[in-house]
N, C-alpha and C. Protein backbone atom coordinates (compact mmCIF):
# COMPACT_ATOMS: atom_id res chain seq x y z
N MET A 1 -0.42 37.22 -7.61
CA MET A 1 0.14 36.03 -7.01
C MET A 1 1.43 35.66 -7.76
N PRO A 2 2.53 35.43 -7.05
CA PRO A 2 3.79 35.11 -7.72
C PRO A 2 3.74 33.74 -8.39
N VAL A 3 4.46 33.66 -9.51
CA VAL A 3 4.56 32.40 -10.24
C VAL A 3 5.62 31.53 -9.58
N ILE A 4 5.27 30.30 -9.29
CA ILE A 4 6.21 29.37 -8.67
C ILE A 4 6.75 28.47 -9.77
N LYS A 5 8.07 28.43 -9.90
CA LYS A 5 8.71 27.60 -10.93
C LYS A 5 8.74 26.15 -10.44
N VAL A 6 8.24 25.26 -11.26
CA VAL A 6 8.25 23.84 -10.94
C VAL A 6 9.13 23.16 -11.97
N PHE A 7 10.16 22.47 -11.51
CA PHE A 7 11.11 21.82 -12.41
C PHE A 7 10.62 20.44 -12.80
N PRO A 8 10.82 20.07 -14.08
CA PRO A 8 10.34 18.76 -14.55
C PRO A 8 10.84 17.58 -13.72
N GLN A 9 12.11 17.61 -13.30
CA GLN A 9 12.63 16.50 -12.52
C GLN A 9 11.96 16.40 -11.15
N ASP A 10 11.52 17.54 -10.59
CA ASP A 10 10.78 17.51 -9.33
C ASP A 10 9.39 16.92 -9.53
N VAL A 11 8.76 17.29 -10.65
CA VAL A 11 7.44 16.73 -10.97
C VAL A 11 7.57 15.22 -11.13
N ASP A 12 8.58 14.79 -11.89
CA ASP A 12 8.79 13.35 -12.11
C ASP A 12 8.98 12.61 -10.79
N ARG A 13 9.81 13.16 -9.92
CA ARG A 13 10.09 12.52 -8.63
C ARG A 13 8.82 12.43 -7.77
N LYS A 14 8.06 13.50 -7.75
CA LYS A 14 6.83 13.51 -6.94
C LYS A 14 5.77 12.57 -7.50
N LEU A 15 5.64 12.51 -8.82
CA LEU A 15 4.70 11.56 -9.42
C LEU A 15 5.08 10.14 -9.05
N THR A 16 6.37 9.84 -9.13
CA THR A 16 6.85 8.50 -8.78
C THR A 16 6.54 8.18 -7.33
N GLU A 17 6.77 9.14 -6.44
CA GLU A 17 6.49 8.92 -5.02
C GLU A 17 5.01 8.64 -4.76
N VAL A 18 4.14 9.37 -5.44
CA VAL A 18 2.70 9.16 -5.24
C VAL A 18 2.28 7.78 -5.74
N PHE A 19 2.73 7.41 -6.95
CA PHE A 19 2.36 6.09 -7.47
C PHE A 19 2.98 4.97 -6.64
N ALA A 20 4.18 5.19 -6.11
CA ALA A 20 4.82 4.17 -5.27
C ALA A 20 4.06 4.00 -3.95
N ARG A 21 3.52 5.07 -3.47
CA ARG A 21 2.83 5.00 -2.17
C ARG A 21 1.38 4.53 -2.28
N PHE A 22 0.69 5.01 -3.33
CA PHE A 22 -0.75 4.77 -3.41
C PHE A 22 -1.17 3.84 -4.55
N GLY A 23 -0.24 3.48 -5.43
CA GLY A 23 -0.61 2.69 -6.59
C GLY A 23 -1.39 3.54 -7.58
N TYR A 24 -1.82 2.91 -8.66
CA TYR A 24 -2.55 3.66 -9.69
C TYR A 24 -3.92 4.09 -9.20
N ASP A 25 -4.67 3.16 -8.67
CA ASP A 25 -6.05 3.49 -8.27
C ASP A 25 -6.10 4.48 -7.11
N GLY A 26 -5.15 4.42 -6.21
CA GLY A 26 -5.16 5.31 -5.06
C GLY A 26 -4.58 6.68 -5.32
N ALA A 27 -3.88 6.84 -6.45
CA ALA A 27 -3.26 8.12 -6.79
C ALA A 27 -4.29 9.01 -7.49
N SER A 28 -5.02 9.75 -6.70
CA SER A 28 -6.05 10.64 -7.26
C SER A 28 -5.39 11.85 -7.90
N MET A 29 -6.12 12.50 -8.77
CA MET A 29 -5.59 13.73 -9.37
C MET A 29 -5.32 14.78 -8.29
N GLU A 30 -6.12 14.78 -7.25
CA GLU A 30 -5.90 15.71 -6.14
C GLU A 30 -4.55 15.44 -5.47
N LEU A 31 -4.27 14.17 -5.18
CA LEU A 31 -2.98 13.82 -4.58
C LEU A 31 -1.81 14.16 -5.50
N LEU A 32 -1.96 13.85 -6.78
CA LEU A 32 -0.90 14.15 -7.75
C LEU A 32 -0.67 15.65 -7.87
N SER A 33 -1.74 16.41 -7.84
CA SER A 33 -1.65 17.87 -7.89
C SER A 33 -0.96 18.42 -6.65
N GLN A 34 -1.38 17.97 -5.49
CA GLN A 34 -0.77 18.44 -4.24
C GLN A 34 0.72 18.09 -4.18
N ALA A 35 1.05 16.87 -4.56
CA ALA A 35 2.45 16.42 -4.47
C ALA A 35 3.36 17.20 -5.40
N THR A 36 2.88 17.48 -6.60
CA THR A 36 3.74 18.16 -7.59
C THR A 36 3.73 19.66 -7.45
N GLY A 37 2.72 20.21 -6.76
CA GLY A 37 2.61 21.65 -6.66
C GLY A 37 1.99 22.27 -7.91
N LEU A 38 1.43 21.43 -8.76
CA LEU A 38 0.79 21.92 -9.99
C LEU A 38 -0.72 21.78 -9.86
N LYS A 39 -1.42 22.73 -10.44
CA LYS A 39 -2.87 22.62 -10.49
C LYS A 39 -3.22 21.48 -11.44
N LYS A 40 -4.42 20.94 -11.27
CA LYS A 40 -4.85 19.83 -12.13
C LYS A 40 -4.78 20.22 -13.60
N ALA A 41 -5.15 21.45 -13.93
CA ALA A 41 -5.10 21.91 -15.32
C ALA A 41 -3.67 21.88 -15.86
N SER A 42 -2.71 22.23 -15.02
CA SER A 42 -1.30 22.19 -15.45
C SER A 42 -0.82 20.76 -15.65
N LEU A 43 -1.28 19.87 -14.80
CA LEU A 43 -0.93 18.46 -14.97
C LEU A 43 -1.50 17.93 -16.28
N TYR A 44 -2.76 18.28 -16.55
CA TYR A 44 -3.37 17.83 -17.82
C TYR A 44 -2.69 18.48 -19.02
N HIS A 45 -2.17 19.69 -18.84
CA HIS A 45 -1.43 20.34 -19.94
C HIS A 45 -0.15 19.56 -20.23
N ARG A 46 0.56 19.16 -19.18
CA ARG A 46 1.79 18.38 -19.35
C ARG A 46 1.51 16.94 -19.78
N PHE A 47 0.41 16.41 -19.29
CA PHE A 47 0.04 15.01 -19.55
C PHE A 47 -1.41 14.97 -20.04
N PRO A 48 -1.63 15.24 -21.33
CA PRO A 48 -3.01 15.29 -21.85
C PRO A 48 -3.78 13.98 -21.65
N GLY A 49 -3.06 12.85 -21.54
CA GLY A 49 -3.72 11.57 -21.30
C GLY A 49 -4.06 11.34 -19.85
N GLY A 50 -3.86 12.34 -19.00
CA GLY A 50 -4.23 12.25 -17.60
C GLY A 50 -3.36 11.32 -16.78
N LYS A 51 -3.97 10.74 -15.78
CA LYS A 51 -3.25 9.90 -14.81
C LYS A 51 -2.56 8.72 -15.49
N LYS A 52 -3.20 8.12 -16.47
CA LYS A 52 -2.61 6.99 -17.17
C LYS A 52 -1.32 7.39 -17.87
N GLU A 53 -1.32 8.55 -18.50
CA GLU A 53 -0.10 9.04 -19.16
C GLU A 53 0.98 9.36 -18.13
N MET A 54 0.58 9.87 -16.99
CA MET A 54 1.54 10.16 -15.92
C MET A 54 2.20 8.87 -15.45
N ALA A 55 1.41 7.83 -15.26
CA ALA A 55 1.97 6.54 -14.82
C ALA A 55 2.92 5.98 -15.88
N LYS A 56 2.55 6.08 -17.14
CA LYS A 56 3.43 5.60 -18.21
C LYS A 56 4.72 6.41 -18.24
N HIS A 57 4.62 7.70 -18.00
CA HIS A 57 5.80 8.56 -17.93
C HIS A 57 6.72 8.14 -16.78
N VAL A 58 6.11 7.86 -15.65
CA VAL A 58 6.88 7.39 -14.49
C VAL A 58 7.62 6.10 -14.85
N LEU A 59 6.94 5.18 -15.51
CA LEU A 59 7.57 3.91 -15.89
C LEU A 59 8.71 4.11 -16.88
N LEU A 60 8.55 5.04 -17.81
CA LEU A 60 9.66 5.35 -18.73
C LEU A 60 10.87 5.89 -17.97
N ASN A 61 10.61 6.74 -16.98
CA ASN A 61 11.69 7.28 -16.16
C ASN A 61 12.38 6.20 -15.33
N ILE A 62 11.60 5.28 -14.80
CA ILE A 62 12.17 4.18 -14.02
C ILE A 62 13.03 3.30 -14.92
N ARG A 63 12.55 3.02 -16.11
CA ARG A 63 13.33 2.22 -17.08
C ARG A 63 14.65 2.92 -17.38
N ALA A 64 14.60 4.22 -17.64
CA ALA A 64 15.83 4.98 -17.90
C ALA A 64 16.76 4.93 -16.69
N TRP A 65 16.18 5.02 -15.50
CA TRP A 65 16.98 4.96 -14.27
C TRP A 65 17.68 3.61 -14.16
N PHE A 66 16.95 2.51 -14.40
CA PHE A 66 17.56 1.17 -14.34
C PHE A 66 18.66 1.03 -15.39
N LEU A 67 18.44 1.56 -16.57
CA LEU A 67 19.49 1.49 -17.61
C LEU A 67 20.74 2.25 -17.19
N ASP A 68 20.53 3.42 -16.58
CA ASP A 68 21.66 4.27 -16.21
C ASP A 68 22.34 3.82 -14.92
N ARG A 69 21.56 3.52 -13.90
CA ARG A 69 22.12 3.29 -12.57
C ARG A 69 22.43 1.83 -12.25
N VAL A 70 21.87 0.91 -13.05
CA VAL A 70 22.13 -0.52 -12.82
C VAL A 70 22.82 -1.12 -14.04
N ASP A 71 22.15 -1.10 -15.18
CA ASP A 71 22.68 -1.75 -16.37
C ASP A 71 24.03 -1.18 -16.80
N ALA A 72 24.11 0.12 -16.96
CA ALA A 72 25.36 0.72 -17.41
C ALA A 72 26.49 0.49 -16.41
N VAL A 73 26.16 0.53 -15.14
CA VAL A 73 27.16 0.32 -14.08
C VAL A 73 27.69 -1.11 -14.14
N ILE A 74 26.78 -2.07 -14.23
CA ILE A 74 27.20 -3.48 -14.25
C ILE A 74 27.99 -3.80 -15.51
N ARG A 75 27.63 -3.19 -16.63
CA ARG A 75 28.30 -3.49 -17.91
C ARG A 75 29.62 -2.74 -18.10
N ASP A 76 29.98 -1.87 -17.19
CA ASP A 76 31.24 -1.11 -17.28
C ASP A 76 32.42 -1.99 -16.87
N THR A 77 32.91 -2.77 -17.81
CA THR A 77 33.95 -3.76 -17.51
C THR A 77 35.33 -3.14 -17.25
N SER A 78 35.42 -1.82 -17.27
CA SER A 78 36.70 -1.19 -16.95
C SER A 78 36.95 -1.19 -15.44
N ARG A 79 35.94 -1.58 -14.67
CA ARG A 79 36.08 -1.61 -13.21
C ARG A 79 35.85 -3.02 -12.70
N PRO A 80 36.36 -3.35 -11.52
CA PRO A 80 36.17 -4.69 -10.97
C PRO A 80 34.69 -5.02 -10.78
N LEU A 81 34.35 -6.28 -10.98
CA LEU A 81 32.96 -6.74 -10.89
C LEU A 81 32.35 -6.46 -9.53
N ASP A 82 33.07 -6.71 -8.45
CA ASP A 82 32.50 -6.49 -7.12
C ASP A 82 32.16 -5.03 -6.89
N VAL A 83 32.96 -4.12 -7.44
CA VAL A 83 32.71 -2.69 -7.30
C VAL A 83 31.46 -2.30 -8.10
N ARG A 84 31.33 -2.84 -9.30
CA ARG A 84 30.16 -2.55 -10.14
C ARG A 84 28.88 -3.03 -9.47
N LEU A 85 28.90 -4.26 -8.96
CA LEU A 85 27.71 -4.79 -8.31
C LEU A 85 27.38 -3.99 -7.05
N GLU A 86 28.38 -3.67 -6.26
CA GLU A 86 28.14 -2.89 -5.04
C GLU A 86 27.50 -1.54 -5.37
N GLU A 87 27.99 -0.88 -6.42
CA GLU A 87 27.44 0.43 -6.82
C GLU A 87 25.98 0.27 -7.28
N ALA A 88 25.71 -0.76 -8.06
CA ALA A 88 24.34 -1.00 -8.53
C ALA A 88 23.41 -1.29 -7.35
N LEU A 89 23.87 -2.09 -6.41
CA LEU A 89 23.04 -2.42 -5.24
C LEU A 89 22.83 -1.21 -4.34
N MET A 90 23.82 -0.35 -4.24
CA MET A 90 23.66 0.89 -3.47
C MET A 90 22.60 1.77 -4.12
N ALA A 91 22.61 1.83 -5.46
CA ALA A 91 21.60 2.62 -6.17
C ALA A 91 20.21 2.05 -5.93
N ILE A 92 20.09 0.73 -5.97
CA ILE A 92 18.79 0.09 -5.71
C ILE A 92 18.35 0.37 -4.28
N SER A 93 19.27 0.31 -3.34
CA SER A 93 18.94 0.63 -1.94
C SER A 93 18.46 2.07 -1.82
N ASP A 94 19.13 2.98 -2.51
CA ASP A 94 18.70 4.38 -2.49
C ASP A 94 17.32 4.55 -3.10
N LEU A 95 17.07 3.87 -4.21
CA LEU A 95 15.77 3.95 -4.87
C LEU A 95 14.65 3.59 -3.91
N PHE A 96 14.87 2.58 -3.09
CA PHE A 96 13.85 2.12 -2.17
C PHE A 96 14.06 2.64 -0.75
N ALA A 97 14.90 3.67 -0.61
CA ALA A 97 15.16 4.29 0.69
C ALA A 97 15.46 3.23 1.74
N ASN A 98 16.35 2.31 1.39
CA ASN A 98 16.77 1.22 2.28
C ASN A 98 15.59 0.42 2.84
N GLY A 99 14.58 0.23 2.01
CA GLY A 99 13.43 -0.57 2.42
C GLY A 99 12.27 0.23 2.94
N ASP A 100 12.40 1.54 2.96
CA ASP A 100 11.35 2.40 3.51
C ASP A 100 10.34 2.85 2.46
N ARG A 101 10.65 2.63 1.17
CA ARG A 101 9.78 3.10 0.09
C ARG A 101 9.29 1.91 -0.72
N ASN A 102 8.02 1.91 -1.04
CA ASN A 102 7.45 0.88 -1.90
C ASN A 102 8.06 0.92 -3.29
N CYS A 103 8.02 -0.19 -3.97
CA CYS A 103 8.47 -0.26 -5.35
C CYS A 103 7.34 0.23 -6.25
N PRO A 104 7.57 1.30 -7.02
CA PRO A 104 6.51 1.78 -7.91
C PRO A 104 6.12 0.74 -8.97
N LEU A 105 7.06 -0.12 -9.35
CA LEU A 105 6.73 -1.17 -10.31
C LEU A 105 5.69 -2.12 -9.73
N ARG A 106 5.90 -2.52 -8.50
CA ARG A 106 4.95 -3.41 -7.83
C ARG A 106 3.61 -2.73 -7.66
N MET A 107 3.64 -1.47 -7.25
CA MET A 107 2.39 -0.76 -6.99
C MET A 107 1.60 -0.51 -8.26
N LEU A 108 2.28 -0.31 -9.39
CA LEU A 108 1.59 -0.10 -10.66
C LEU A 108 1.21 -1.41 -11.34
N SER A 109 1.73 -2.52 -10.83
CA SER A 109 1.40 -3.82 -11.43
C SER A 109 0.06 -4.35 -10.95
N ALA A 110 -0.56 -3.64 -10.02
CA ALA A 110 -1.89 -4.03 -9.52
C ALA A 110 -2.84 -2.87 -9.77
N GLY A 111 -4.08 -3.16 -9.86
CA GLY A 111 -5.07 -2.10 -10.02
C GLY A 111 -5.76 -2.15 -11.37
N SER A 112 -6.62 -1.20 -11.57
CA SER A 112 -7.52 -1.22 -12.72
C SER A 112 -6.83 -1.07 -14.07
N GLU A 113 -5.67 -0.49 -14.11
CA GLU A 113 -4.97 -0.28 -15.38
C GLU A 113 -3.69 -1.11 -15.49
N SER A 114 -3.54 -2.12 -14.66
CA SER A 114 -2.28 -2.88 -14.62
C SER A 114 -1.91 -3.47 -15.97
N ALA A 115 -2.87 -3.90 -16.76
CA ALA A 115 -2.56 -4.48 -18.07
C ALA A 115 -1.91 -3.45 -18.99
N SER A 116 -2.25 -2.18 -18.82
CA SER A 116 -1.67 -1.11 -19.63
C SER A 116 -0.18 -0.91 -19.34
N PHE A 117 0.24 -1.32 -18.16
CA PHE A 117 1.61 -1.07 -17.73
C PHE A 117 2.49 -2.31 -17.75
N GLN A 118 1.90 -3.47 -18.00
CA GLN A 118 2.62 -4.74 -17.88
C GLN A 118 3.90 -4.78 -18.70
N GLU A 119 3.85 -4.36 -19.94
CA GLU A 119 5.03 -4.42 -20.81
C GLU A 119 6.16 -3.53 -20.27
N SER A 120 5.82 -2.34 -19.82
CA SER A 120 6.83 -1.42 -19.29
C SER A 120 7.43 -1.94 -17.99
N ILE A 121 6.58 -2.51 -17.14
CA ILE A 121 7.07 -3.06 -15.88
C ILE A 121 7.98 -4.25 -16.14
N ALA A 122 7.57 -5.13 -17.04
CA ALA A 122 8.39 -6.29 -17.39
C ALA A 122 9.73 -5.85 -17.96
N ALA A 123 9.74 -4.79 -18.76
CA ALA A 123 11.00 -4.29 -19.34
C ALA A 123 11.97 -3.85 -18.24
N CYS A 124 11.44 -3.21 -17.20
CA CYS A 124 12.29 -2.77 -16.09
C CYS A 124 12.89 -3.97 -15.36
N PHE A 125 12.05 -4.96 -15.07
CA PHE A 125 12.55 -6.14 -14.38
C PHE A 125 13.52 -6.94 -15.25
N THR A 126 13.34 -6.91 -16.56
CA THR A 126 14.26 -7.60 -17.47
C THR A 126 15.63 -6.93 -17.43
N ILE A 127 15.67 -5.62 -17.38
CA ILE A 127 16.96 -4.91 -17.28
C ILE A 127 17.68 -5.36 -16.02
N LEU A 128 16.96 -5.42 -14.92
CA LEU A 128 17.55 -5.83 -13.64
C LEU A 128 17.99 -7.29 -13.70
N SER A 129 17.15 -8.15 -14.23
CA SER A 129 17.48 -9.57 -14.33
C SER A 129 18.69 -9.80 -15.23
N ASP A 130 18.73 -9.14 -16.37
CA ASP A 130 19.87 -9.29 -17.28
C ASP A 130 21.17 -8.83 -16.62
N GLY A 131 21.10 -7.74 -15.87
CA GLY A 131 22.29 -7.25 -15.18
C GLY A 131 22.78 -8.22 -14.13
N PHE A 132 21.86 -8.73 -13.32
CA PHE A 132 22.24 -9.69 -12.30
C PHE A 132 22.76 -10.99 -12.91
N ALA A 133 22.15 -11.42 -14.02
CA ALA A 133 22.62 -12.64 -14.70
C ALA A 133 24.03 -12.44 -15.24
N LEU A 134 24.31 -11.25 -15.75
CA LEU A 134 25.65 -10.95 -16.24
C LEU A 134 26.68 -11.06 -15.12
N VAL A 135 26.34 -10.52 -13.96
CA VAL A 135 27.23 -10.62 -12.80
C VAL A 135 27.48 -12.09 -12.47
N ALA A 136 26.42 -12.88 -12.43
CA ALA A 136 26.55 -14.29 -12.07
C ALA A 136 27.39 -15.06 -13.09
N THR A 137 27.23 -14.77 -14.37
CA THR A 137 28.05 -15.46 -15.38
C THR A 137 29.50 -15.01 -15.30
N GLU A 138 29.72 -13.73 -15.03
CA GLU A 138 31.10 -13.26 -14.84
C GLU A 138 31.73 -13.90 -13.61
N ASN A 139 30.90 -14.28 -12.66
CA ASN A 139 31.39 -14.99 -11.47
C ASN A 139 31.56 -16.48 -11.72
N GLY A 140 31.29 -16.93 -12.95
CA GLY A 140 31.56 -18.31 -13.31
C GLY A 140 30.38 -19.25 -13.26
N LEU A 141 29.18 -18.74 -12.98
CA LEU A 141 28.01 -19.62 -12.96
C LEU A 141 27.55 -19.91 -14.39
N PRO A 142 27.10 -21.12 -14.65
CA PRO A 142 26.54 -21.43 -15.96
C PRO A 142 25.35 -20.52 -16.26
N GLU A 143 25.10 -20.27 -17.53
CA GLU A 143 24.08 -19.30 -17.94
C GLU A 143 22.69 -19.60 -17.37
N ASP A 144 22.27 -20.86 -17.39
CA ASP A 144 20.94 -21.19 -16.88
C ASP A 144 20.83 -20.95 -15.38
N ILE A 145 21.88 -21.28 -14.66
CA ILE A 145 21.89 -21.04 -13.21
C ILE A 145 21.98 -19.54 -12.93
N ALA A 146 22.78 -18.83 -13.74
CA ALA A 146 22.91 -17.37 -13.58
C ALA A 146 21.55 -16.69 -13.73
N LYS A 147 20.78 -17.11 -14.73
CA LYS A 147 19.45 -16.53 -14.94
C LYS A 147 18.52 -16.83 -13.77
N ALA A 148 18.59 -18.04 -13.26
CA ALA A 148 17.76 -18.42 -12.12
C ALA A 148 18.14 -17.63 -10.87
N LYS A 149 19.44 -17.45 -10.64
CA LYS A 149 19.92 -16.69 -9.48
C LYS A 149 19.54 -15.21 -9.60
N ALA A 150 19.58 -14.70 -10.84
CA ALA A 150 19.20 -13.30 -11.06
C ALA A 150 17.73 -13.10 -10.70
N MET A 151 16.89 -14.02 -11.13
CA MET A 151 15.47 -13.93 -10.81
C MET A 151 15.25 -14.08 -9.31
N GLU A 152 15.99 -14.95 -8.68
CA GLU A 152 15.90 -15.12 -7.23
C GLU A 152 16.28 -13.83 -6.50
N ALA A 153 17.29 -13.14 -7.01
CA ALA A 153 17.70 -11.88 -6.40
C ALA A 153 16.58 -10.84 -6.47
N ILE A 154 15.91 -10.77 -7.62
CA ILE A 154 14.79 -9.83 -7.77
C ILE A 154 13.65 -10.20 -6.83
N ILE A 155 13.35 -11.48 -6.76
CA ILE A 155 12.29 -11.94 -5.85
C ILE A 155 12.65 -11.59 -4.41
N ASN A 156 13.90 -11.77 -4.05
CA ASN A 156 14.34 -11.42 -2.69
C ASN A 156 14.19 -9.93 -2.42
N ILE A 157 14.54 -9.10 -3.40
CA ILE A 157 14.40 -7.65 -3.23
C ILE A 157 12.93 -7.29 -3.04
N GLN A 158 12.08 -7.77 -3.95
CA GLN A 158 10.66 -7.42 -3.87
C GLN A 158 10.01 -7.96 -2.60
N GLY A 159 10.31 -9.20 -2.28
CA GLY A 159 9.75 -9.79 -1.06
C GLY A 159 10.22 -9.08 0.19
N SER A 160 11.49 -8.71 0.21
CA SER A 160 12.01 -8.02 1.40
C SER A 160 11.43 -6.62 1.53
N LEU A 161 11.10 -5.99 0.41
CA LEU A 161 10.43 -4.68 0.49
C LEU A 161 9.06 -4.82 1.15
N VAL A 162 8.32 -5.82 0.72
CA VAL A 162 6.99 -6.05 1.30
C VAL A 162 7.12 -6.35 2.80
N LEU A 163 8.02 -7.27 3.13
CA LEU A 163 8.18 -7.64 4.54
C LEU A 163 8.70 -6.49 5.39
N SER A 164 9.64 -5.73 4.86
CA SER A 164 10.18 -4.59 5.61
C SER A 164 9.07 -3.60 5.97
N ARG A 165 8.20 -3.35 4.99
CA ARG A 165 7.10 -2.41 5.24
C ARG A 165 6.08 -3.03 6.21
N ALA A 166 5.76 -4.29 6.00
CA ALA A 166 4.74 -4.94 6.84
C ALA A 166 5.22 -5.11 8.27
N MET A 167 6.50 -5.42 8.45
CA MET A 167 7.04 -5.68 9.78
C MET A 167 7.68 -4.43 10.41
N ASN A 168 7.68 -3.33 9.64
CA ASN A 168 8.31 -2.09 10.10
C ASN A 168 9.76 -2.33 10.53
N ASP A 169 10.47 -3.07 9.66
CA ASP A 169 11.85 -3.44 9.97
C ASP A 169 12.68 -3.42 8.67
N ASN A 170 13.36 -2.33 8.44
CA ASN A 170 14.15 -2.18 7.21
C ASN A 170 15.37 -3.09 7.18
N ASN A 171 15.72 -3.68 8.30
CA ASN A 171 16.84 -4.63 8.28
C ASN A 171 16.55 -5.84 7.40
N ILE A 172 15.28 -6.15 7.21
CA ILE A 172 14.91 -7.26 6.33
C ILE A 172 15.37 -6.94 4.91
N PHE A 173 15.11 -5.73 4.46
CA PHE A 173 15.54 -5.31 3.12
C PHE A 173 17.06 -5.25 3.04
N ARG A 174 17.69 -4.64 4.03
CA ARG A 174 19.16 -4.51 4.03
C ARG A 174 19.84 -5.87 3.99
N THR A 175 19.31 -6.83 4.74
CA THR A 175 19.88 -8.18 4.76
C THR A 175 19.74 -8.82 3.39
N SER A 176 18.60 -8.63 2.76
CA SER A 176 18.37 -9.18 1.43
C SER A 176 19.35 -8.60 0.42
N ILE A 177 19.53 -7.30 0.43
CA ILE A 177 20.46 -6.64 -0.50
C ILE A 177 21.89 -7.12 -0.25
N SER A 178 22.27 -7.23 1.01
CA SER A 178 23.66 -7.63 1.32
C SER A 178 23.93 -9.09 0.94
N ALA A 179 22.89 -9.91 0.79
CA ALA A 179 23.07 -11.31 0.43
C ALA A 179 23.17 -11.53 -1.09
N ILE A 180 22.86 -10.52 -1.87
CA ILE A 180 22.84 -10.68 -3.32
C ILE A 180 24.20 -11.01 -3.93
N PRO A 181 25.29 -10.36 -3.52
CA PRO A 181 26.59 -10.75 -4.13
C PRO A 181 26.88 -12.25 -4.00
N LYS A 182 26.68 -12.81 -2.83
CA LYS A 182 26.92 -14.24 -2.64
C LYS A 182 25.95 -15.07 -3.48
N LEU A 183 24.70 -14.66 -3.53
CA LEU A 183 23.70 -15.36 -4.34
C LEU A 183 24.13 -15.41 -5.81
N LEU A 184 24.78 -14.33 -6.27
CA LEU A 184 25.21 -14.25 -7.67
C LEU A 184 26.62 -14.81 -7.88
N GLY A 185 27.13 -15.51 -6.88
CA GLY A 185 28.38 -16.24 -7.05
C GLY A 185 29.65 -15.53 -6.64
N GLN A 186 29.54 -14.34 -6.04
CA GLN A 186 30.76 -13.67 -5.60
C GLN A 186 31.28 -14.34 -4.34
N GLY A 187 32.57 -14.52 -4.31
CA GLY A 187 33.22 -15.11 -3.15
C GLY A 187 33.12 -16.62 -3.09
N ASN A 188 32.57 -17.24 -4.12
CA ASN A 188 32.47 -18.72 -4.13
C ASN A 188 33.68 -19.33 -4.78
């Protein structure tokens, strides 16, 4: 039987997709194995802590993604603020397939092991909140209002993801994303 090469970034992407779709409790080892193309023994070899270690690995990757695709973009003051925010929001839209994909952070925040992931999930949302607050302060909003608007933007994203999926209407998510610049003080 020929050996099939499985690339780590493909495994990471597939693990993320399974946890985003099924959450921790619904992501069986069988589903994780099928999605990644790895036998269960190979998954345990890569992740000796099993499913819990896989979920923690996914969260580390998501944190790195937020640092790279949102935080670093927003903090790059060599470019205009509106361009930085637009690029970060486009990345967020891509991450959630324009409202068609569940948020893995939300899906891992519920279930039997949610307490194990709380710190990592909060760290991801803090990166997003800090970035949005920075945009709002650069737009001239006072720091306390900027922080509140940043949190509101995250709530709008998460809520619109739930509604988009429930109502089978991705325009809900797109509308929410397109309203974020104004919410953060752009154009005021």
